[in-house]
């Protein structure tokens, strides 16, 4: 075998392997950055913009990698909790400053005595007419065709057969 050809083939494989390794390393880093951003602000579009990737890449990674998908859900939950805490802190600040809208909002959502209540009292009458033999036969045939019941009289729920 010609040593020149062998060296070129080896270099081609090495270059290809290096590219694959570099891409995998870059994706790992981008995934970590995405998770960090989602834990702060749980908005996928915003996190993708900050990391510099397309949302399509994010959704593809999430669909293809169960571990990453699980970490995304955890980061989104963490980010949502963080934003809820920040929003509640701003609401409390507005209450302390005498903002009546904030006071009303707090009272309506945090104090049962001030919440909107609707009490409904009703009597419900149900009528249960027995199925005719014709209706039972139609239901039985439909169940057989759907595969829920087997032909030949297998019991199925609803008619007592």
Protein backbone atom coordinates (compact mmCIF):
# COMPACT_ATOMS: atom_id res chain seq x y z
CA UNK A 1 0.00 0.00 0.00
CA UNK A 2 1.15 3.51 -0.78
CA UNK A 3 2.19 5.27 2.51
CA UNK A 4 1.02 8.66 1.20
CA UNK A 5 -2.56 7.47 0.66
CA UNK A 6 -2.62 5.74 4.01
CA UNK A 7 -1.50 8.95 5.77
CA UNK A 8 -4.19 11.03 4.00
CA UNK A 9 -6.90 8.53 4.93
CA UNK A 10 -5.72 8.54 8.54
CA UNK A 11 -5.63 12.34 8.60
CA UNK A 12 -9.17 12.47 7.14
CA UNK A 13 -10.53 10.20 9.86
CA UNK A 14 -8.70 12.11 12.55
CA UNK A 15 -10.00 15.44 11.29
CA UNK A 16 -13.53 14.07 11.14
CA UNK A 17 -13.27 12.65 14.64
CA UNK A 18 -11.92 15.96 15.92
CA UNK A 19 -14.87 17.78 14.36
CA UNK A 20 -17.37 15.41 15.95
CA UNK A 21 -15.64 15.79 19.32
CA UNK A 22 -15.59 19.59 19.00
CA UNK A 23 -19.29 19.73 18.06
CA UNK A 24 -20.24 17.46 20.99
CA UNK A 25 -18.21 19.60 23.40
CA UNK A 26 -19.78 22.81 22.08
CA UNK A 27 -23.29 21.32 22.39
CA UNK A 28 -22.60 20.20 25.98
CA UNK A 29 -21.49 23.72 26.83
CA UNK A 30 -24.52 25.27 25.11
CA UNK A 31 -26.88 22.89 26.91
CA UNK A 32 -25.36 23.86 30.27
CA UNK A 33 -25.68 27.55 29.41
CA UNK A 34 -29.31 27.00 28.39
CA UNK A 35 -30.08 25.30 31.69
CA UNK A 36 -28.42 28.13 33.64
CA UNK A 37 -30.44 30.74 31.74
CA UNK A 38 -33.72 28.84 32.13
CA UNK A 39 -33.15 28.62 35.89
CA UNK A 40 -32.99 32.43 35.99
CA UNK A 41 -35.62 33.34 33.39
CA UNK A 42 -37.89 30.46 32.35
CA UNK A 43 -38.43 31.63 28.78
CA UNK A 44 -37.05 29.30 26.11
CA UNK A 45 -36.83 31.96 23.39
CA UNK A 46 -34.83 34.24 25.68
CA UNK A 47 -32.46 31.47 26.79
CA UNK A 48 -31.80 30.41 23.20
CA UNK A 49 -31.06 34.01 22.18
CA UNK A 50 -28.62 34.45 25.06
CA UNK A 51 -26.77 31.22 24.19
CA UNK A 52 -26.86 31.92 20.46
CA UNK A 53 -28.72 28.88 19.22
CA UNK A 54 -31.92 28.42 17.26
CA UNK A 55 -35.01 27.30 19.14
CA UNK A 56 -35.28 24.41 16.68
CA UNK A 57 -31.94 23.11 17.98
CA UNK A 58 -33.19 23.39 21.56
CA UNK A 59 -36.38 21.46 20.79
CA UNK A 60 -34.44 18.82 18.83
CA UNK A 61 -31.98 18.35 21.71
CA UNK A 62 -34.86 18.08 24.16
CA UNK A 63 -36.64 15.48 22.01
CA UNK A 64 -33.48 13.43 21.39
CA UNK A 65 -31.98 13.51 24.91
CA UNK A 66 -34.19 12.37 27.81
CA UNK A 67 -31.63 13.46 30.40
CA UNK A 68 -31.48 16.95 28.93
CA UNK A 69 -35.30 17.08 28.74
CA UNK A 70 -35.52 16.20 32.44
CA UNK A 71 -32.95 18.88 33.32
CA UNK A 72 -34.87 21.41 31.20
CA UNK A 73 -38.06 20.73 33.19
CA UNK A 74 -36.14 21.13 36.46
CA UNK A 75 -34.56 24.40 35.27
CA UNK A 76 -37.94 25.73 34.11
CA UNK A 77 -39.48 24.89 37.49
CA UNK A 78 -36.58 26.58 39.29
CA UNK A 79 -36.85 29.65 37.04
CA UNK A 80 -40.61 29.85 37.54
CA UNK A 81 -40.20 29.67 41.33
CA UNK A 82 -37.52 32.38 41.16
CA UNK A 83 -39.76 34.65 39.06
CA UNK A 84 -42.73 34.02 41.38
CA UNK A 85 -40.61 35.05 44.36
CA UNK A 86 -39.44 38.18 42.53
CA UNK A 87 -43.02 39.10 41.56
CA UNK A 88 -44.27 38.57 45.10
CA UNK A 89 -41.42 40.74 46.45
CA UNK A 90 -42.47 43.54 44.07
CA UNK A 91 -46.10 43.13 45.15
CA UNK A 92 -45.13 43.42 48.83
CA UNK A 93 -43.04 46.50 48.04
CA UNK A 94 -46.04 48.07 46.28
CA UNK A 95 -48.25 47.30 49.28
CA UNK A 96 -45.74 48.94 51.64
CA UNK A 97 -45.75 52.01 49.38
CA UNK A 98 -49.54 52.26 49.72
CA UNK A 99 -50.52 51.05 46.25
CA UNK A 100 -54.20 50.21 46.73
CA UNK A 101 -54.36 48.03 43.61
CA UNK A 102 -51.62 45.88 45.09
CA UNK A 103 -53.45 45.78 48.43
CA UNK A 104 -56.69 44.70 46.75
CA UNK A 105 -54.86 42.08 44.67
CA UNK A 106 -53.19 40.62 47.76
CA UNK A 107 -56.41 40.55 49.77
CA UNK A 108 -58.41 39.00 46.92
CA UNK A 109 -55.87 36.24 46.26
CA UNK A 110 -54.38 35.59 49.72
CA UNK A 111 -57.31 36.16 52.10
CA UNK A 112 -60.33 33.87 51.73
CA UNK A 113 -62.63 36.48 53.31
CA UNK A 114 -61.98 38.81 50.36
CA UNK A 115 -62.04 36.32 47.52
CA UNK A 116 -64.85 36.08 44.99
CA UNK A 117 -67.19 33.31 46.01
CA UNK A 118 -69.96 31.66 44.15
CA UNK A 119 -72.16 29.14 45.92
CA UNK A 120 -74.30 26.88 43.81
CA UNK A 121 -76.95 24.62 45.28
CA UNK A 122 -78.77 22.27 42.97
CA UNK A 123 -80.54 18.97 42.80
CA UNK A 124 -79.60 16.81 39.87
CA UNK A 125 -82.03 14.23 38.63
CA UNK A 126 -80.69 11.50 36.43
CA UNK A 127 -82.75 9.05 34.51
CA UNK A 128 -81.33 5.74 33.54
CA UNK A 129 -83.42 4.07 30.89
CA UNK A 130 -82.55 0.49 30.10
CA UNK A 131 -81.22 -0.20 26.64
CA UNK A 132 -83.43 -1.97 24.16
CA UNK A 133 -82.20 -5.34 22.87
CA UNK A 134 -81.53 -3.63 19.53
CA UNK A 135 -79.34 -0.96 21.20
CA UNK A 136 -77.48 -3.62 23.18
CA UNK A 137 -76.79 -5.58 19.97
CA UNK A 138 -75.44 -2.44 18.27
CA UNK A 139 -73.16 -1.65 21.22
CA UNK A 140 -71.94 -5.24 21.40
CA UNK A 141 -71.14 -5.24 17.67
CA UNK A 142 -69.30 -1.90 17.95
CA UNK A 143 -67.21 -3.23 20.84
CA UNK A 144 -66.37 -6.35 18.86
CA UNK A 145 -65.33 -4.31 15.83
CA UNK A 146 -63.16 -2.03 17.97
CA UNK A 147 -61.42 -4.99 19.58
CA UNK A 148 -62.60 -4.12 23.08
CA UNK A 149 -64.85 -7.18 23.23
CA UNK A 150 -64.33 -10.47 21.45
CA UNK A 151 -66.90 -12.00 19.18
CA UNK A 152 -68.90 -14.81 20.67
CA UNK A 153 -70.24 -13.24 23.83
CA UNK A 154 -67.31 -12.10 25.96
CA UNK A 155 -68.64 -10.04 28.83
CA UNK A 156 -68.29 -6.32 28.50
CA UNK A 157 -69.12 -3.59 30.92
CA UNK A 158 -72.43 -1.82 30.71
CA UNK A 159 -75.03 -4.41 29.76
CA UNK A 160 -74.54 -7.11 32.34
CA UNK A 161 -74.02 -9.87 29.78
